[in-house]
Amino acid sequence: MPANHLLWLFASTVVPASIVTENQPLTHNQRVAVWIGTGLAAIALYLLGCLIFPYSNCTKCAGSGKSRAPRGKAFRNCRRCKGTGRRTRVGSRLIDARRNRRNR
């Protein structure tokens, strides 16, 4: 779906119908407001997801916590995640840093 269609679809659900009609397209300021609102909503949803699920799979070992030895026969603990298979998401680090600053 082209970006203009998505913008019109989002604007038609948020902005009153008297403003958005097919005969009268959105003004530049209204388009900017819709994009900013969409961006803020996406950031809020991402941070909410980081609160609920603070960890994701390690990208190096794909969540297994193991990596093969150089010759390929033995396994070792992954260096990046130290064998846990998890990594802390960026949003979780930001939230934790904010909490730690408040508790000082």
C-alpha atoms as a PDB file:
ATOM      1  CA  MET A   1       0.000   0.000   0.000  1.00  0.00           C
ATOM      2  CA  PRO A   2       1.519   3.374  -0.922  1.00  0.00           C
ATOM      3  CA  ALA A   3       2.364   5.799   1.869  1.00  0.00           C
ATOM      4  CA  ASN A   4      -0.343   8.254   0.767  1.00  0.00           C
ATOM      5  CA  HIS A   5      -3.024   5.593   1.192  1.00  0.00           C
ATOM      6  CA  LEU A   6      -1.727   4.673   4.647  1.00  0.00           C
ATOM      7  CA  LEU A   7      -1.615   8.336   5.609  1.00  0.00           C
ATOM      8  CA  TRP A   8      -5.169   8.876   4.418  1.00  0.00           C
ATOM      9  CA  LEU A   9      -6.346   5.716   6.204  1.00  0.00           C
ATOM     10  CA  PHE A  10      -4.733   6.779   9.480  1.00  0.00           C
ATOM     11  CA  ALA A  11      -5.904  10.371   9.129  1.00  0.00           C
ATOM     12  CA  SER A  12      -9.460   9.270   8.423  1.00  0.00           C
ATOM     13  CA  THR A  13      -9.556   7.348  11.705  1.00  0.00           C
ATOM     14  CA  VAL A  14      -7.974  10.088  13.847  1.00  0.00           C
ATOM     15  CA  VAL A  15      -8.899  13.393  12.223  1.00  0.00           C
ATOM     16  CA  PRO A  16     -12.611  14.307  12.025  1.00  0.00           C
ATOM     17  CA  ALA A  17     -14.300  13.450   8.745  1.00  0.00           C
ATOM     18  CA  SER A  18     -15.098  17.107   8.035  1.00  0.00           C
ATOM     19  CA  ILE A  19     -11.359  17.803   7.691  1.00  0.00           C
ATOM     20  CA  VAL A  20     -10.415  14.766   5.582  1.00  0.00           C
ATOM     21  CA  THR A  21     -12.413  14.279   2.405  1.00  0.00           C
ATOM     22  CA  GLU A  22     -11.455  13.041  -1.019  1.00  0.00           C
ATOM     23  CA  ASN A  23     -12.149  16.482  -2.478  1.00  0.00           C
ATOM     24  CA  GLN A  24     -10.044  18.272   0.119  1.00  0.00           C
ATOM     25  CA  PRO A  25      -6.668  16.613   0.781  1.00  0.00           C
ATOM     26  CA  LEU A  26      -4.703  17.100   3.972  1.00  0.00           C
ATOM     27  CA  THR A  27      -2.647  20.235   4.297  1.00  0.00           C
ATOM     28  CA  HIS A  28       1.090  20.009   4.934  1.00  0.00           C
ATOM     29  CA  ASN A  29       0.675  20.812   8.637  1.00  0.00           C
ATOM     30  CA  GLN A  30      -1.998  18.149   9.048  1.00  0.00           C
ATOM     31  CA  ARG A  31       0.213  15.571   7.303  1.00  0.00           C
ATOM     32  CA  VAL A  32       3.124  16.441   9.588  1.00  0.00           C
ATOM     33  CA  ALA A  33       0.880  16.139  12.643  1.00  0.00           C
ATOM     34  CA  VAL A  34      -0.335  12.722  11.509  1.00  0.00           C
ATOM     35  CA  TRP A  35       3.231  11.471  10.928  1.00  0.00           C
ATOM     36  CA  ILE A  36       4.410  12.787  14.292  1.00  0.00           C
ATOM     37  CA  GLY A  37       1.425  11.183  16.010  1.00  0.00           C
ATOM     38  CA  THR A  38       2.103   7.886  14.262  1.00  0.00           C
ATOM     39  CA  GLY A  39       5.786   8.014  15.251  1.00  0.00           C
ATOM     40  CA  LEU A  40       4.986   8.764  18.886  1.00  0.00           C
ATOM     41  CA  ALA A  41       2.461   5.931  18.974  1.00  0.00           C
ATOM     42  CA  ALA A  42       5.030   3.519  17.505  1.00  0.00           C
ATOM     43  CA  ILE A  43       7.647   4.560  20.079  1.00  0.00           C
ATOM     44  CA  ALA A  44       5.137   4.164  22.905  1.00  0.00           C
ATOM     45  CA  LEU A  45       4.206   0.667  21.705  1.00  0.00           C
ATOM     46  CA  TYR A  46       7.880  -0.316  21.418  1.00  0.00           C
ATOM     47  CA  LEU A  47       8.624   0.871  24.959  1.00  0.00           C
ATOM     48  CA  LEU A  48       5.554  -0.958  26.254  1.00  0.00           C
ATOM     49  CA  GLY A  49       6.836  -4.097  24.553  1.00  0.00           C
ATOM     50  CA  CYS A  50      10.229  -3.537  26.199  1.00  0.00           C
ATOM     51  CA  LEU A  51       8.536  -3.352  29.599  1.00  0.00           C
ATOM     52  CA  ILE A  52       6.695  -6.622  29.000  1.00  0.00           C
ATOM     53  CA  PHE A  53       9.481  -8.480  27.151  1.00  0.00           C
ATOM     54  CA  PRO A  54      12.843  -6.935  28.185  1.00  0.00           C
ATOM     55  CA  TYR A  55      14.963  -9.643  26.536  1.00  0.00           C
ATOM     56  CA  SER A  56      15.304 -10.992  23.013  1.00  0.00           C
ATOM     57  CA  ASN A  57      17.395 -13.743  21.480  1.00  0.00           C
ATOM     58  CA  CYS A  58      21.121 -13.212  21.195  1.00  0.00           C
ATOM     59  CA  THR A  59      21.942 -12.345  17.591  1.00  0.00           C
ATOM     60  CA  LYS A  60      25.222 -14.237  17.558  1.00  0.00           C
ATOM     61  CA  CYS A  61      24.016 -17.633  18.809  1.00  0.00           C
ATOM     62  CA  ALA A  62      20.331 -17.242  17.785  1.00  0.00           C
ATOM     63  CA  GLY A  63      19.208 -17.817  21.365  1.00  0.00           C
ATOM     64  CA  SER A  64      20.869 -21.187  21.909  1.00  0.00           C
ATOM     65  CA  GLY A  65      23.624 -19.872  24.202  1.00  0.00           C
ATOM     66  CA  LYS A  66      26.178 -22.020  22.427  1.00  0.00           C
ATOM     67  CA  SER A  67      28.677 -21.470  19.682  1.00  0.00           C
ATOM     68  CA  ARG A  68      30.796 -24.002  17.904  1.00  0.00           C
ATOM     69  CA  ALA A  69      34.471 -24.359  18.611  1.00  0.00           C
ATOM     70  CA  PRO A  70      36.835 -23.401  15.788  1.00  0.00           C
ATOM     71  CA  ARG A  71      37.054 -26.978  14.500  1.00  0.00           C
ATOM     72  CA  GLY A  72      33.283 -27.360  14.632  1.00  0.00           C
ATOM     73  CA  LYS A  73      32.953 -30.489  16.803  1.00  0.00           C
ATOM     74  CA  ALA A  74      32.639 -29.063  20.306  1.00  0.00           C
ATOM     75  CA  PHE A  75      30.369 -26.390  21.739  1.00  0.00           C
ATOM     76  CA  ARG A  76      31.271 -23.424  23.906  1.00  0.00           C
ATOM     77  CA  ASN A  77      29.237 -20.798  25.675  1.00  0.00           C
ATOM     78  CA  CYS A  78      28.494 -17.820  23.471  1.00  0.00           C
ATOM     79  CA  ARG A  79      30.846 -14.938  24.255  1.00  0.00           C
ATOM     80  CA  ARG A  80      28.286 -12.221  23.643  1.00  0.00           C
ATOM     81  CA  CYS A  81      25.495 -13.538  25.895  1.00  0.00           C
ATOM     82  CA  LYS A  82      27.724 -15.665  28.173  1.00  0.00           C
ATOM     83  CA  GLY A  83      25.631 -18.761  27.514  1.00  0.00           C
ATOM     84  CA  THR A  84      22.221 -17.361  28.466  1.00  0.00           C
ATOM     85  CA  GLY A  85      20.934 -17.012  24.900  1.00  0.00           C
ATOM     86  CA  ARG A  86      19.348 -13.647  25.775  1.00  0.00           C
ATOM     87  CA  ARG A  87      20.259 -10.027  25.221  1.00  0.00           C
ATOM     88  CA  THR A  88      18.726  -6.896  26.704  1.00  0.00           C
ATOM     89  CA  ARG A  89      16.784  -4.826  24.185  1.00  0.00           C
ATOM     90  CA  VAL A  90      17.775  -1.198  23.571  1.00  0.00           C
ATOM     91  CA  GLY A  91      14.495   0.141  24.943  1.00  0.00           C
ATOM     92  CA  SER A  92      14.931  -1.889  28.122  1.00  0.00           C
ATOM     93  CA  ARG A  93      18.381  -0.391  28.632  1.00  0.00           C
ATOM     94  CA  LEU A  94      16.922   3.110  28.256  1.00  0.00           C
ATOM     95  CA  ILE A  95      14.132   2.362  30.730  1.00  0.00           C
ATOM     96  CA  ASP A  96      16.580   0.844  33.248  1.00  0.00           C
ATOM     97  CA  ALA A  97      18.936   3.818  32.953  1.00  0.00           C
ATOM     98  CA  ARG A  98      16.035   6.200  33.608  1.00  0.00           C
ATOM     99  CA  ARG A  99      14.936   4.177  36.646  1.00  0.00           C
ATOM    100  CA  ASN A 100      18.486   4.107  38.036  1.00  0.00           C
ATOM    101  CA  ARG A 101      18.824   7.886  37.668  1.00  0.00           C
ATOM    102  CA  ARG A 102      15.591   8.439  39.574  1.00  0.00           C
ATOM    103  CA  ASN A 103      16.628   6.179  42.472  1.00  0.00           C
ATOM    104  CA  ARG A 104      19.816   8.131  43.251  1.00  0.00           C
END
